[in-house]
Every structure is written in C-alpha cells, then in structure tokens.
Protein backbone atom coordinates (compact mmCIF):
# COMPACT_ATOMS: atom_id res chain seq x y z
CA MET A 1 0.00 0.00 0.00
CA THR A 2 1.40 3.39 -0.97
CA ARG A 3 1.71 6.35 1.39
CA ASN A 4 -1.14 8.13 -0.40
CA GLU A 5 -3.37 5.05 -0.10
CA LYS A 6 -2.58 4.88 3.60
CA ARG A 7 -3.42 8.57 4.03
CA SER A 8 -6.64 8.05 2.11
CA GLU A 9 -7.51 5.08 4.32
CA ILE A 10 -6.82 7.16 7.43
CA LYS A 11 -9.22 9.85 6.14
CA LYS A 12 -11.90 7.22 5.54
CA LEU A 13 -11.36 5.83 9.03
CA ASP A 14 -11.61 9.36 10.51
CA GLU A 15 -14.95 9.83 8.73
CA GLN A 16 -16.19 6.47 9.97
CA ILE A 17 -15.10 7.28 13.52
CA LYS A 18 -16.98 10.61 13.37
CA GLU A 19 -20.07 8.82 12.07
CA TYR A 20 -19.87 6.31 14.92
CA GLU A 21 -19.46 9.14 17.44
CA GLY A 22 -22.54 10.85 16.02
CA LYS A 23 -24.60 7.68 16.31
CA ILE A 24 -23.40 7.09 19.85
CA PHE A 25 -24.31 10.66 20.77
CA GLU A 26 -27.81 10.29 19.29
CA LEU A 27 -28.34 7.01 21.14
CA GLU A 28 -27.10 8.51 24.41
CA GLU A 29 -29.56 11.37 24.02
CA ALA A 30 -32.41 8.97 23.21
CA TYR A 31 -31.50 6.85 26.23
CA LYS A 32 -31.38 9.87 28.56
CA GLU A 33 -34.71 11.20 27.30
CA THR A 34 -36.36 7.79 27.58
CA LYS A 35 -34.99 7.27 31.08
CA ILE A 36 -36.28 10.66 32.25
CA HIS A 37 -39.80 9.85 31.04
CA TYR A 38 -39.59 6.28 32.37
CA GLU A 39 -38.63 7.49 35.84
CA ALA A 40 -41.38 10.13 35.78
CA ILE A 41 -43.99 7.51 34.88
CA VAL A 42 -42.79 5.19 37.64
CA ARG A 43 -42.72 8.01 40.19
CA ASP A 44 -45.84 9.92 39.18
CA VAL A 45 -48.13 7.21 37.82
CA TYR A 46 -47.11 3.62 38.51
CA GLU A 47 -46.11 3.84 42.18
CA PRO A 48 -49.07 6.05 43.22
CA GLN A 49 -51.53 3.88 41.27
CA LYS A 50 -50.07 0.71 42.77
CA ALA A 51 -50.34 2.11 46.30
CA TYR A 52 -53.74 3.77 45.87
CA ASP A 53 -56.14 2.68 48.62
CA MET A 54 -59.63 1.90 47.35
CA ALA A 55 -60.99 1.27 50.87
CA PRO A 56 -62.95 4.56 50.98
CA LEU A 57 -65.16 3.14 48.21
CA LYS A 58 -66.50 0.55 50.64
CA ILE A 59 -69.07 3.11 51.74
CA TYR A 60 -70.69 2.57 48.31
CA GLY A 61 -70.76 -1.17 48.86
CA ASN A 62 -68.41 -4.11 48.63
CA ASN A 63 -69.25 -4.69 44.98
CA MET A 64 -68.21 -1.15 43.99
CA TYR A 65 -65.03 -1.50 46.04
CA LYS A 66 -64.08 -4.84 44.44
CA GLU A 67 -64.76 -3.60 40.89
CA ALA A 68 -62.71 -0.46 41.45
CA ASP A 69 -59.86 -2.43 43.00
CA GLU A 70 -59.86 -4.93 40.11
CA TYR A 71 -59.75 -2.06 37.63
CA ARG A 72 -56.85 -0.51 39.55
CA LYS A 73 -54.98 -3.84 39.49
CA LYS A 74 -55.50 -4.14 35.72
CA MET A 75 -54.16 -0.63 35.20
CA VAL A 76 -51.12 -1.40 37.35
CA LEU A 77 -50.51 -4.61 35.39
CA GLU A 78 -50.71 -2.81 32.03
CA LEU A 79 -48.41 -0.06 33.28
CA LYS A 80 -45.98 -2.71 34.49
CA LYS A 81 -45.98 -4.36 31.04
CA SER A 82 -45.30 -1.03 29.35
CA LEU A 83 -42.53 -0.22 31.80
CA ARG A 84 -40.97 -3.63 31.15
CA ASP A 85 -41.10 -2.95 27.40
CA THR A 86 -39.42 0.41 28.00
CA GLU A 87 -36.72 -1.27 30.08
CA THR A 88 -36.11 -3.70 27.21
CA PHE A 89 -35.89 -0.80 24.77
CA MET A 90 -33.38 1.02 26.98
CA SER A 91 -31.33 -2.16 27.30
CA GLN A 92 -31.30 -2.51 23.52
CA ILE A 93 -30.07 1.07 23.16
CA LEU A 94 -27.18 0.31 25.53
CA SER A 95 -26.35 -2.87 23.64
CA ILE A 96 -26.30 -1.06 20.29
CA MET A 97 -24.13 1.69 21.75
CA GLU A 98 -21.69 -0.94 22.99
CA LYS A 99 -21.52 -2.57 19.53
CA ILE A 100 -20.94 0.77 17.83
CA GLN A 101 -18.26 1.62 20.41
CA LYS A 102 -16.47 -1.66 19.57
CA GLU A 103 -16.60 -0.86 15.85
CA LYS A 104 -15.30 2.64 16.55
CA GLN A 105 -12.43 1.13 18.55
CA LYS A 106 -11.58 -1.18 15.63
CA CYS A 107 -11.41 1.85 13.32
CA GLU A 108 -9.22 3.73 15.79
CA ASN A 109 -6.87 0.74 16.04
CA LYS A 110 -6.63 0.46 12.22
CA LYS A 111 -5.96 4.20 12.00
CA LYS A 112 -3.17 3.95 14.59
CA ALA A 113 -1.64 1.05 12.65
CA PHE A 114 -1.65 3.05 9.40
CA GLU A 115 -0.23 6.09 11.19
CA ALA A 116 2.52 3.93 12.67
CA GLU A 117 3.32 2.55 9.22
CA LEU A 118 3.54 6.09 7.85
CA ASP A 119 5.84 7.12 10.71
CA ILE A 120 8.09 4.12 10.10
CA SER A 121 8.35 4.74 6.38
CA VAL A 122 9.34 8.38 7.01
CA SER A 123 12.28 7.39 9.24
C-alpha cells in the first residue's frame, strides 16, 4: 500500500469514527430522554396507582369496592408491562451503543496502525 493510499484510508477511518461518534451521541440522548420519562412515569403514575387505597369506596358497597380495586390492578398490570417494554428498549439502546463503540475502537486501532506505518516509512 502506498503512502497516499494509507493517508486516504486514514481519512476514511476518521470519517467512519466521526459517524460512529454521532450515532453514539444520538443514542445517548435517546436513552437519557427515555430514562427521564420512564422514571417520571414510575414516580408519578405507577407507584401512586399501585399504592392507591380503594378502601374509601367501601361506603358505596363491597361490589363497587371490588370492581374499582380490580380495575386498579388491571391498570397497574398494564403499566408494568409497558414499563418492562421500555426497560427492554433502553437495554437494547445500551447494547447497540456498545456494539458501535467496539466498531469505533476497531477503526481507531486500524488508524493507529496506518499512522505507525507512515511514521516508520518516514524514518
């Protein structure tokens, strides 16, 4: 490989590294945003709904109380499923980021090897 080909390959690797960095940044931002909303839903919706006491409805009869409590339990279950799906999504984001980071590292290692070859051939 000629010196010019090596320089050209280094430029390509630099572009690929920048592209990987951009993707990692976008995924980090998506993860942060998702996590903020996830935590807000857990704090402001899921936990209060799960802990909500339906006992005051007993004054309207046991049947009303039981129906309301069953409805509350269904809502909590559906929220839990959605939160689990969100956790899976966030885990997938982290996994993809890790894969991209490994590819970026491979590019950086190739770039260093080419740069070392250029330095050696100059000496």
